[in-house]
Amino acid sequence: MPFRHRSQGAKVKDDPSLLKKSIKRQEQRKKGSKKKWEEREEAVGKRKEAAQAKRKDNIKARKDQVKKGKMKKAAKKGRAVPGFK
């Protein structure tokens, strides 16, 4: 009962306009945090894809390097390697 609380000196929060303002503020905060979270998820996804692409390129470069080294070695030993001099 609000009148008892008031008589005891406690604040009673029953002003409809203030309650509406506070609810609106909470909803705005929720909306803002949701937007930030979505942006973060998107950024993390992009970063993941970029790292994966970089890894793929590095693996390919290493594979090519090893292959080239093996071909060089084979040519040095006197084996005929087509397309490599």
N, C-alpha and C. Protein backbone atom coordinates (compact mmCIF):
# COMPACT_ATOMS: atom_id res chain seq x y z
N MET A 1 0.84 -1.18 0.00
CA MET A 1 0.00 0.00 0.00
C MET A 1 0.89 1.24 0.00
N PRO A 2 0.73 2.06 -1.01
CA PRO A 2 1.61 3.22 -1.17
C PRO A 2 1.53 4.23 -0.03
N PHE A 3 0.35 4.42 0.55
CA PHE A 3 0.23 5.44 1.59
C PHE A 3 1.01 5.05 2.84
N ARG A 4 1.14 3.77 3.13
CA ARG A 4 1.92 3.33 4.28
C ARG A 4 3.41 3.62 4.06
N HIS A 5 3.86 3.32 2.84
CA HIS A 5 5.27 3.55 2.52
C HIS A 5 5.58 5.05 2.60
N ARG A 6 4.65 5.86 2.10
CA ARG A 6 4.87 7.31 2.14
C ARG A 6 4.93 7.80 3.58
N SER A 7 4.06 7.25 4.41
CA SER A 7 4.02 7.70 5.80
C SER A 7 5.30 7.30 6.54
N GLN A 8 5.95 6.24 6.07
CA GLN A 8 7.20 5.80 6.69
C GLN A 8 8.40 6.53 6.09
N GLY A 9 8.17 7.38 5.09
CA GLY A 9 9.24 8.19 4.53
C GLY A 9 9.89 7.58 3.30
N ALA A 10 9.36 6.46 2.82
CA ALA A 10 9.95 5.82 1.64
C ALA A 10 9.39 6.48 0.39
N LYS A 11 10.19 6.46 -0.70
CA LYS A 11 9.72 7.03 -1.96
C LYS A 11 8.88 5.99 -2.68
N VAL A 12 7.73 6.43 -3.17
CA VAL A 12 6.86 5.55 -3.92
C VAL A 12 6.96 5.94 -5.38
N LYS A 13 7.33 4.94 -6.20
CA LYS A 13 7.53 5.20 -7.62
C LYS A 13 6.26 4.82 -8.38
N ASP A 14 5.32 5.76 -8.40
CA ASP A 14 4.06 5.47 -9.08
C ASP A 14 3.68 6.55 -10.07
N ASP A 15 4.62 7.42 -10.42
CA ASP A 15 4.35 8.47 -11.41
C ASP A 15 4.41 7.84 -12.80
N PRO A 16 3.28 7.77 -13.50
CA PRO A 16 3.23 7.07 -14.79
C PRO A 16 4.21 7.63 -15.83
N SER A 17 4.36 8.94 -15.88
CA SER A 17 5.25 9.51 -16.90
C SER A 17 6.70 9.11 -16.63
N LEU A 18 7.09 9.12 -15.37
CA LEU A 18 8.46 8.72 -15.03
C LEU A 18 8.69 7.23 -15.29
N LEU A 19 7.66 6.43 -14.99
CA LEU A 19 7.78 4.99 -15.26
C LEU A 19 7.92 4.73 -16.76
N LYS A 20 7.14 5.45 -17.57
CA LYS A 20 7.23 5.29 -19.02
C LYS A 20 8.62 5.68 -19.52
N LYS A 21 9.15 6.78 -18.97
CA LYS A 21 10.49 7.23 -19.36
C LYS A 21 11.54 6.18 -19.02
N SER A 22 11.41 5.62 -17.83
CA SER A 22 12.40 4.64 -17.39
C SER A 22 12.31 3.37 -18.25
N ILE A 23 11.12 2.95 -18.60
CA ILE A 23 10.95 1.77 -19.46
C ILE A 23 11.53 2.04 -20.84
N LYS A 24 11.27 3.24 -21.36
CA LYS A 24 11.80 3.60 -22.68
C LYS A 24 13.33 3.61 -22.65
N ARG A 25 13.90 4.15 -21.58
CA ARG A 25 15.35 4.19 -21.43
C ARG A 25 15.93 2.78 -21.41
N GLN A 26 15.28 1.88 -20.69
CA GLN A 26 15.73 0.49 -20.63
C GLN A 26 15.68 -0.15 -22.02
N GLU A 27 14.60 0.10 -22.76
CA GLU A 27 14.47 -0.48 -24.09
C GLU A 27 15.54 0.07 -25.03
N GLN A 28 15.84 1.36 -24.91
CA GLN A 28 16.89 1.96 -25.74
C GLN A 28 18.24 1.31 -25.43
N ARG A 29 18.51 1.10 -24.15
CA ARG A 29 19.76 0.47 -23.74
C ARG A 29 19.86 -0.94 -24.32
N LYS A 30 18.74 -1.68 -24.24
CA LYS A 30 18.71 -3.05 -24.77
C LYS A 30 18.98 -3.04 -26.27
N LYS A 31 18.31 -2.12 -26.97
CA LYS A 31 18.47 -2.02 -28.41
C LYS A 31 19.92 -1.70 -28.78
N GLY A 32 20.50 -0.77 -28.03
CA GLY A 32 21.89 -0.39 -28.29
C GLY A 32 22.86 -1.54 -28.06
N SER A 33 22.64 -2.27 -26.97
CA SER A 33 23.55 -3.38 -26.68
C SER A 33 23.37 -4.51 -27.70
N LYS A 34 22.14 -4.69 -28.17
CA LYS A 34 21.88 -5.71 -29.19
C LYS A 34 22.62 -5.35 -30.48
N LYS A 35 22.57 -4.09 -30.84
CA LYS A 35 23.24 -3.62 -32.05
C LYS A 35 24.76 -3.80 -31.92
N LYS A 36 25.31 -3.45 -30.77
CA LYS A 36 26.74 -3.62 -30.54
C LYS A 36 27.13 -5.08 -30.64
N TRP A 37 26.31 -5.97 -30.08
CA TRP A 37 26.59 -7.40 -30.10
C TRP A 37 26.61 -7.91 -31.54
N GLU A 38 25.63 -7.49 -32.34
CA GLU A 38 25.57 -7.93 -33.74
C GLU A 38 26.80 -7.45 -34.50
N GLU A 39 27.21 -6.21 -34.25
CA GLU A 39 28.41 -5.67 -34.90
C GLU A 39 29.64 -6.49 -34.49
N ARG A 40 29.70 -6.84 -33.22
CA ARG A 40 30.84 -7.61 -32.73
C ARG A 40 30.85 -8.99 -33.39
N GLU A 41 29.69 -9.64 -33.46
CA GLU A 41 29.61 -10.96 -34.09
C GLU A 41 30.08 -10.89 -35.54
N GLU A 42 29.65 -9.85 -36.24
CA GLU A 42 30.04 -9.67 -37.63
C GLU A 42 31.56 -9.48 -37.75
N ALA A 43 32.11 -8.66 -36.87
CA ALA A 43 33.55 -8.40 -36.89
C ALA A 43 34.34 -9.68 -36.61
N VAL A 44 33.87 -10.46 -35.65
CA VAL A 44 34.54 -11.71 -35.31
C VAL A 44 34.49 -12.67 -36.50
N GLY A 45 33.34 -12.73 -37.16
CA GLY A 45 33.20 -13.60 -38.33
C GLY A 45 34.16 -13.20 -39.45
N LYS A 46 34.25 -11.88 -39.71
CA LYS A 46 35.16 -11.40 -40.74
C LYS A 46 36.60 -11.73 -40.39
N ARG A 47 36.96 -11.51 -39.12
CA ARG A 47 38.32 -11.79 -38.68
C ARG A 47 38.65 -13.27 -38.85
N LYS A 48 37.67 -14.13 -38.52
CA LYS A 48 37.84 -15.57 -38.65
C LYS A 48 38.09 -15.96 -40.11
N GLU A 49 37.27 -15.40 -41.01
CA GLU A 49 37.41 -15.70 -42.43
C GLU A 49 38.76 -15.23 -42.96
N ALA A 50 39.19 -14.05 -42.53
CA ALA A 50 40.48 -13.52 -42.99
C ALA A 50 41.62 -14.42 -42.50
N ALA A 51 41.55 -14.86 -41.26
CA ALA A 51 42.59 -15.74 -40.72
C ALA A 51 42.62 -17.06 -41.46
N GLN A 52 41.45 -17.58 -41.79
CA GLN A 52 41.35 -18.85 -42.51
C GLN A 52 41.96 -18.72 -43.90
N ALA A 53 41.66 -17.60 -44.57
CA ALA A 53 42.20 -17.37 -45.91
C ALA A 53 43.73 -17.25 -45.85
N LYS A 54 44.22 -16.54 -44.87
CA LYS A 54 45.67 -16.36 -44.70
C LYS A 54 46.34 -17.72 -44.46
N ARG A 55 45.72 -18.52 -43.62
CA ARG A 55 46.25 -19.85 -43.32
C ARG A 55 46.31 -20.69 -44.58
N LYS A 56 45.24 -20.65 -45.36
CA LYS A 56 45.17 -21.42 -46.60
C LYS A 56 46.30 -21.00 -47.56
N ASP A 57 46.50 -19.68 -47.69
CA ASP A 57 47.56 -19.17 -48.56
C ASP A 57 48.94 -19.61 -48.07
N ASN A 58 49.15 -19.54 -46.76
CA ASN A 58 50.44 -19.93 -46.20
C ASN A 58 50.72 -21.42 -46.43
N ILE A 59 49.71 -22.24 -46.25
CA ILE A 59 49.87 -23.69 -46.46
C ILE A 59 50.21 -23.96 -47.92
N LYS A 60 49.50 -23.28 -48.84
CA LYS A 60 49.75 -23.46 -50.27
C LYS A 60 51.18 -23.03 -50.63
N ALA A 61 51.61 -21.88 -50.09
CA ALA A 61 52.95 -21.38 -50.37
C ALA A 61 54.00 -22.37 -49.86
N ARG A 62 53.80 -22.90 -48.68
CA ARG A 62 54.74 -23.87 -48.11
C ARG A 62 54.79 -25.13 -48.95
N LYS A 63 53.64 -25.61 -49.39
CA LYS A 63 53.56 -26.81 -50.22
C LYS A 63 54.32 -26.60 -51.53
N ASP A 64 54.10 -25.44 -52.16
CA ASP A 64 54.79 -25.12 -53.41
C ASP A 64 56.30 -25.04 -53.19
N GLN A 65 56.69 -24.45 -52.07
CA GLN A 65 58.11 -24.30 -51.76
C GLN A 65 58.77 -25.68 -51.60
N VAL A 66 58.11 -26.57 -50.89
CA VAL A 66 58.64 -27.92 -50.68
C VAL A 66 58.74 -28.65 -52.02
N LYS A 67 57.70 -28.54 -52.83
CA LYS A 67 57.69 -29.19 -54.14
C LYS A 67 58.84 -28.68 -55.00
N LYS A 68 59.04 -27.37 -54.99
CA LYS A 68 60.11 -26.76 -55.78
C LYS A 68 61.47 -27.28 -55.31
N GLY A 69 61.64 -27.37 -54.01
CA GLY A 69 62.89 -27.89 -53.45
C GLY A 69 63.14 -29.32 -53.87
N LYS A 70 62.12 -30.15 -53.86
CA LYS A 70 62.25 -31.56 -54.26
C LYS A 70 62.61 -31.66 -55.74
N MET A 71 62.00 -30.83 -56.57
CA MET A 71 62.28 -30.83 -58.00
C MET A 71 63.74 -30.42 -58.24
N LYS A 72 64.17 -29.41 -57.50
CA LYS A 72 65.54 -28.92 -57.64
C LYS A 72 66.53 -30.03 -57.28
N LYS A 73 66.23 -30.72 -56.18
CA LYS A 73 67.07 -31.82 -55.73
C LYS A 73 67.13 -32.92 -56.77
N ALA A 74 65.97 -33.26 -57.34
CA ALA A 74 65.89 -34.32 -58.35
C ALA A 74 66.70 -33.93 -59.58
N ALA A 75 66.59 -32.67 -60.00
CA ALA A 75 67.33 -32.20 -61.18
C ALA A 75 68.83 -32.22 -60.90
N LYS A 76 69.19 -31.91 -59.69
CA LYS A 76 70.61 -31.88 -59.31
C LYS A 76 71.21 -33.28 -59.35
N LYS A 77 70.40 -34.29 -58.99
CA LYS A 77 70.86 -35.67 -58.98
C LYS A 77 70.89 -36.27 -60.39
N GLY A 78 70.40 -35.52 -61.36
CA GLY A 78 70.46 -35.98 -62.74
C GLY A 78 69.17 -36.58 -63.26
N ARG A 79 68.14 -36.55 -62.50
CA ARG A 79 66.85 -37.07 -62.99
C ARG A 79 66.22 -36.04 -63.91
N ALA A 80 65.60 -36.52 -64.94
CA ALA A 80 64.93 -35.60 -65.88
C ALA A 80 63.59 -35.22 -65.29
N VAL A 81 63.40 -33.96 -65.04
CA VAL A 81 62.16 -33.47 -64.47
C VAL A 81 61.50 -32.57 -65.51
N PRO A 82 60.36 -32.99 -66.04
CA PRO A 82 59.71 -32.18 -67.08
C PRO A 82 59.25 -30.83 -66.53
N GLY A 83 59.53 -29.77 -67.30
CA GLY A 83 59.09 -28.43 -66.93
C GLY A 83 59.95 -27.74 -65.90
N PHE A 84 61.06 -28.37 -65.54
CA PHE A 84 61.95 -27.77 -64.55
C PHE A 84 63.38 -27.83 -65.05
N LYS A 85 64.09 -26.74 -65.03
CA LYS A 85 65.49 -26.72 -65.50
C LYS A 85 66.41 -26.29 -64.40
